[in-house]
Structures are given as structure tokens and as C-alpha cells.
Amino acid sequence: QKLFILSLFFFIFLTFTNSAYAADFFYPITHATERITIKPYGAYINTSFYEGKENLFKSARPQGYHTGTDFETLDDEENKPVPVYAISDGKVLFIGDIDGYGGVILLSLKNNTQTALYGHIKTTGINIKKGDTISGGTVLTYLGEAFSKETGSERKHLHFAIYNGIDAYFVGHENTKENLSKKWTDPIQFLRENNAQEPGSMTNEEFKMKDTSVIAQPITQTKTTS
């Protein structure tokens, strides 16, 4: 009987612990690391980079140090909806169209000092709006259609970046390494350091227990072509 009681107590303890310490961070797309094949964070992009890639970059060809990580589509996703996820609890600071990106969402992160930027995504026909509080791991939107207004006439992919601030700053390529390191954080390194999970791995009950009282608001807006 004592063994049964101890086992029951241990089970309850584990259940409570797992719920209380549910994941705080998630990758912004499934199979994230498999998708980094063209533009990683910090890559220096110049005219020679675009040689032989004309089919992927049919219009704008920005240059500089890439401020985010590009997650490409997998082989069977070109004509399928591909969900994009909130990497943490946060508030939607901006949702709309920006030159060079097409659709953009800015989401304040749980630490309330940084902002996640999602570019080349759908901003219409979705269930979120500016000011909404979002739980980490939930679907924000979907990738935009290839070479359409949704992607800024680029290929179908996700440009994901973490900005070191909560003002609306949209630069996709910085002119110097100093600006890059000052204003941006390597998304993959950040997610790994925060033990990010594959999106969809959290149960509904764990979502309900999470604290989503994030109050950050945008301060300024700098519209700069990516």
C-alpha cells in the first residue's frame, strides 16, 4: 500500500512538473534546420551570390549581411499551405505589407526586450490582428504564395529574424557586421540556447497553463527594404 501511495505521489509530481515547466520557445516552422540551404543568418550577400540563382531571385536582390535566417520549402510543399508558428508567448506588434518582404508579422517575445520578425507570409485571411496576445507554439499564419505580393515577389520561404528591441524595424540586410551584431540575434543559436521545441509538441492543457501577459508595444516604425 505504501508503495502504491508513493508511486501515485511520484506520478502527480511528474505531471505537475512537466506542466509547470512547459516549453517556453518553439521553432517558427517544422523541420527548421533542414530548411536552411540558401541564406543563413549573417551571410554576406553581394552580386556574385545571385549568380546562378536567377530563378529564385526574379526581382529584388538586396545586399549586405543577412539579418535573419531563411527557411526554404521542402520538396512537397510548393503547392501546400505551410504553417508558421509563434516562437514564444508574445503580442502582435505589427501585421501588414513591407517593401521587400510582402507580408510581415512582428511578435514581441516573452523576454519583452526582443521582437521576432516573420517575412514573406500571409497577412490576410488569418485569425490574428495587431494587439493580440499569442501563445508560443500556436499557428500565426502561413507562408505566402511564391512570387506573389505575399512574398514581395520572392520565392516561397520564411525570412525569420530576432531583433534586439521592440520598435518596428524591418531591415533585412545590414551594411556592416557591427550593425548586425548590435541590432540582431542569430535565430538558430537563440532557439537552441532556449531549448526550443518542434512546433506542435505542446498539449492544449499546457497551453492553458501558460502565462501570456506580454505588454510590449511598438515605439517607432522604420520601413526599410529587405
Foldseek 3Di string as FASTA:
>chain_A
DVVVVVVVVVVVVVVVVCLVCPAFFAAFFFPQVVQQDQAAAQDFFDPVSCVPVCVQVVDDRDGATFLFTKGHDDPPPQPHWGFTWAGGWFFWQDWAQAAQFQTWTWTQGPVLQKIKIKGQWDRPPDDDDGGDIDGGLDTDGTHHHALDSSGNHGGTIIGIWMFRGQAADDDRHDHDVVCSVVTTDRVVVVCVVSVHHHRPPDDPVSSVPDDNPHDHYHDYHDRDHD
